[in-house]
Amino acid sequence: MIQLSKTERTIIEASIRDIQDFPKKGIVFKDITTLLNNPEAYSVLMNHLYQRYKEYNLDFVAGIDARGFIFGAALAQMLGCGFVPIRKKGKLPHTTISEKYALEYGVDEVEVHIDAFSAKENPKVLLIDDLIATGGTANAAANLVKQAGGECVEACFILGLTFLDGMSKLQEKTNVYSLIEVE
């Protein structure tokens, strides 16, 4: 499996800004907007993802609302496959299936079009988002890929927060790749 080189890691890490105490005191928010507006870092990132996934023979890249759309749509175009958005509830116009997941204080829900992967038989799907923390959204999205008839061959995240157990929970369903792990 292709991993980030030391130089690639340095370029990408240096382009991600830390915001202290956001959205609440004690949290260090990893701001990827600075990666997105850095052409060198974004190019390094997308070229790495292309090199990693070009031999997977993917049929679809499924991006999780909303930052997964940024990486997922670009990667799908580079790989010559389809892109499927996994959205927050109520945002898709056609018949959907949905999956609820627990939040710290409550429940949220994501959904996908029921026919999102029907253009291919036994479609191979890569799930992508910017970050995995507790894994609730990612697990719900992986469940949706399966319910909609896709095979989630891997879930990819730019950042993985290893001090939370999201990646280990998701590994029970699919392979997980995090470019940069934050302890």
Protein backbone atom coordinates (compact mmCIF):
# COMPACT_ATOMS: atom_id res chain seq x y z
CA MET A 1 0.00 0.00 0.00
CA ILE A 2 1.20 3.46 -0.86
CA GLN A 3 1.83 5.68 2.16
CA LEU A 4 2.77 9.34 2.40
CA SER A 5 6.45 10.10 2.02
CA LYS A 6 8.10 12.20 4.72
CA THR A 7 8.18 15.19 2.34
CA GLU A 8 4.50 14.80 1.39
CA ARG A 9 3.53 14.52 5.06
CA THR A 10 5.48 17.66 5.93
CA ILE A 11 3.85 19.66 3.12
CA ILE A 12 0.32 18.55 4.03
CA GLU A 13 0.75 18.89 7.81
CA ALA A 14 2.25 22.38 7.43
CA SER A 15 -0.80 23.46 5.42
CA ILE A 16 -3.36 22.52 8.11
CA ARG A 17 -4.06 25.25 10.65
CA ASP A 18 -4.84 24.57 14.30
CA ILE A 19 -7.59 26.69 15.85
CA GLN A 20 -7.50 26.62 19.65
CA ASP A 21 -10.74 26.34 21.64
CA PHE A 22 -13.04 25.82 18.63
CA PRO A 23 -15.91 25.00 18.60
CA LYS A 24 -15.57 24.99 22.39
CA LYS A 25 -12.87 25.44 25.00
CA GLY A 26 -10.31 22.65 25.13
CA ILE A 27 -10.73 21.51 21.54
CA VAL A 28 -8.04 22.06 18.90
CA PHE A 29 -9.86 22.28 15.56
CA LYS A 30 -7.95 21.09 12.50
CA ASP A 31 -8.76 23.66 9.80
CA ILE A 32 -8.31 22.26 6.28
CA THR A 33 -9.30 25.49 4.52
CA THR A 34 -5.62 26.44 4.59
CA LEU A 35 -4.78 23.15 2.83
CA LEU A 36 -7.44 23.83 0.20
CA ASN A 37 -6.13 27.29 -0.63
CA ASN A 38 -2.52 26.06 -0.84
CA PRO A 39 -2.10 24.77 -4.42
CA GLU A 40 1.10 22.86 -3.65
CA ALA A 41 -0.34 21.06 -0.61
CA TYR A 42 -3.67 20.26 -2.31
CA SER A 43 -1.83 18.93 -5.36
CA VAL A 44 0.45 16.77 -3.20
CA LEU A 45 -2.59 15.42 -1.36
CA MET A 46 -4.66 14.65 -4.45
CA ASN A 47 -1.73 13.11 -6.32
CA HIS A 48 -1.02 10.87 -3.33
CA LEU A 49 -4.66 9.76 -3.19
CA TYR A 50 -4.65 9.09 -6.93
CA GLN A 51 -1.47 6.98 -6.67
CA ARG A 52 -2.89 5.02 -3.74
CA TYR A 53 -6.26 4.25 -5.34
CA LYS A 54 -5.56 4.01 -9.09
CA GLU A 55 -5.15 0.21 -8.93
CA TYR A 56 -8.27 -0.38 -6.80
CA ASN A 57 -10.55 -0.42 -9.88
CA LEU A 58 -13.13 1.63 -8.03
CA ASP A 59 -16.58 2.21 -9.44
CA PHE A 60 -17.45 5.07 -7.07
CA VAL A 61 -16.00 7.42 -4.53
CA ALA A 62 -18.55 8.31 -1.84
CA GLY A 63 -17.88 11.59 -0.03
CA ILE A 64 -19.32 12.39 3.38
CA ASP A 65 -21.12 15.74 3.74
CA ALA A 66 -19.56 18.22 3.34
CA ARG A 67 -15.76 18.23 3.34
CA GLY A 68 -15.64 14.72 1.89
CA PHE A 69 -17.21 16.22 -1.24
CA ILE A 70 -14.14 18.40 -1.82
CA PHE A 71 -11.71 15.50 -1.90
CA GLY A 72 -14.09 12.83 -3.16
CA ALA A 73 -15.37 14.57 -6.28
CA ALA A 74 -11.86 15.58 -7.36
CA LEU A 75 -10.52 12.07 -6.73
CA ALA A 76 -13.41 10.42 -8.58
CA GLN A 77 -12.69 12.62 -11.62
CA MET A 78 -8.98 11.73 -11.47
CA LEU A 79 -9.79 8.01 -11.22
CA GLY A 80 -12.46 8.10 -13.94
CA CYS A 81 -15.23 6.80 -11.69
CA GLY A 82 -18.50 8.12 -10.31
CA PHE A 83 -18.97 10.30 -7.26
CA VAL A 84 -21.76 9.75 -4.73
CA PRO A 85 -22.59 12.29 -2.01
CA ILE A 86 -23.59 11.01 1.41
CA ARG A 87 -25.60 13.90 2.80
CA LYS A 88 -27.14 15.09 6.01
CA LYS A 89 -30.83 14.16 6.23
CA GLY A 90 -33.23 16.12 4.03
CA LYS A 91 -30.72 17.32 1.43
CA LEU A 92 -31.21 14.78 -1.37
CA PRO A 93 -34.12 15.15 -3.81
CA HIS A 94 -34.81 11.51 -4.77
CA THR A 95 -35.78 8.43 -2.75
CA THR A 96 -33.19 7.81 -0.05
CA ILE A 97 -32.13 5.38 2.61
CA SER A 98 -30.82 6.77 5.87
CA GLU A 99 -28.77 5.78 8.88
CA LYS A 100 -28.88 7.35 12.33
CA TYR A 101 -25.83 7.69 14.55
CA ALA A 102 -25.17 8.91 18.07
CA LEU A 103 -23.68 12.29 18.87
CA GLU A 104 -22.28 13.42 22.20
CA TYR A 105 -25.70 14.90 23.02
CA GLY A 106 -28.29 13.44 20.67
CA VAL A 107 -28.66 11.74 17.32
CA ASP A 108 -27.97 12.76 13.73
CA GLU A 109 -28.67 11.09 10.41
CA VAL A 110 -27.09 10.75 6.97
CA GLU A 111 -28.64 9.50 3.77
CA VAL A 112 -27.88 8.43 0.23
CA HIS A 113 -30.02 7.94 -2.85
CA ILE A 114 -31.39 4.41 -2.88
CA ASP A 115 -30.07 3.90 -6.42
CA ALA A 116 -26.69 5.60 -5.87
CA PHE A 117 -24.63 2.57 -6.89
CA SER A 118 -27.10 0.81 -9.21
CA ALA A 119 -25.23 1.75 -12.40
CA LYS A 120 -22.69 -1.00 -11.68
CA GLU A 121 -22.97 -4.63 -10.62
CA ASN A 122 -21.15 -5.35 -7.33
CA PRO A 123 -19.74 -1.81 -7.20
CA LYS A 124 -16.47 -1.15 -5.40
CA VAL A 125 -16.71 2.04 -3.34
CA LEU A 126 -14.16 4.19 -1.56
CA LEU A 127 -15.57 6.23 1.32
CA ILE A 128 -13.78 9.54 1.97
CA ASP A 129 -13.91 12.44 4.43
CA ASP A 130 -11.51 14.98 5.86
CA LEU A 131 -11.36 13.65 9.42
CA ILE A 132 -12.40 10.72 11.59
CA ALA A 133 -12.90 11.30 15.31
CA THR A 134 -15.44 9.13 17.14
CA GLY A 135 -16.49 7.47 13.88
CA GLY A 136 -20.26 7.89 14.17
CA THR A 137 -20.75 9.56 10.80
CA ALA A 138 -18.23 7.32 9.05
CA ASN A 139 -19.81 4.13 10.41
CA ALA A 140 -23.26 5.31 9.38
CA ALA A 141 -21.92 6.15 5.90
CA ALA A 142 -20.25 2.73 5.56
CA ASN A 143 -23.56 1.11 6.52
CA LEU A 144 -25.33 3.16 3.85
CA VAL A 145 -22.85 2.09 1.17
CA LYS A 146 -23.62 -1.55 2.00
CA GLN A 147 -27.40 -1.00 2.22
CA ALA A 148 -27.34 0.69 -1.20
CA GLY A 149 -25.59 -2.34 -2.71
CA GLY A 150 -21.97 -1.18 -2.70
CA GLU A 151 -18.86 -2.80 -1.30
CA CYS A 152 -16.91 -0.33 0.81
CA VAL A 153 -13.36 -1.43 0.00
CA GLU A 154 -11.75 1.25 2.16
CA ALA A 155 -12.54 4.40 4.13
CA CYS A 156 -10.02 7.21 3.69
CA PHE A 157 -9.48 10.25 5.89
CA ILE A 158 -6.98 13.07 5.62
CA LEU A 159 -6.75 13.20 9.44
CA GLY A 160 -7.41 10.47 11.99
CA LEU A 161 -7.73 11.35 15.66
CA THR A 162 -6.14 8.30 17.26
CA PHE A 163 -6.98 9.35 20.83
CA LEU A 164 -10.61 8.62 19.96
CA ASP A 165 -11.75 5.14 18.90
CA GLY A 166 -13.44 5.96 15.59
CA MET A 167 -10.91 4.25 13.36
CA SER A 168 -10.92 1.01 15.35
CA LYS A 169 -14.74 0.88 15.29
CA LEU A 170 -14.81 1.44 11.53
CA GLN A 171 -12.12 -1.21 10.92
CA GLU A 172 -14.71 -3.79 11.95
CA LYS A 173 -16.56 -2.92 8.71
CA THR A 174 -13.85 -1.97 6.22
CA ASN A 175 -10.20 -1.13 5.78
CA VAL A 176 -9.32 2.34 7.08
CA TYR A 177 -6.58 4.64 5.80
CA SER A 178 -5.69 7.89 7.51
CA LEU A 179 -2.97 9.96 5.85
CA ILE A 180 -2.06 11.79 9.04
CA GLU A 181 -2.79 10.49 12.51
CA VAL A 182 -3.15 12.96 15.35
CA GLU A 183 -2.48 11.67 18.85
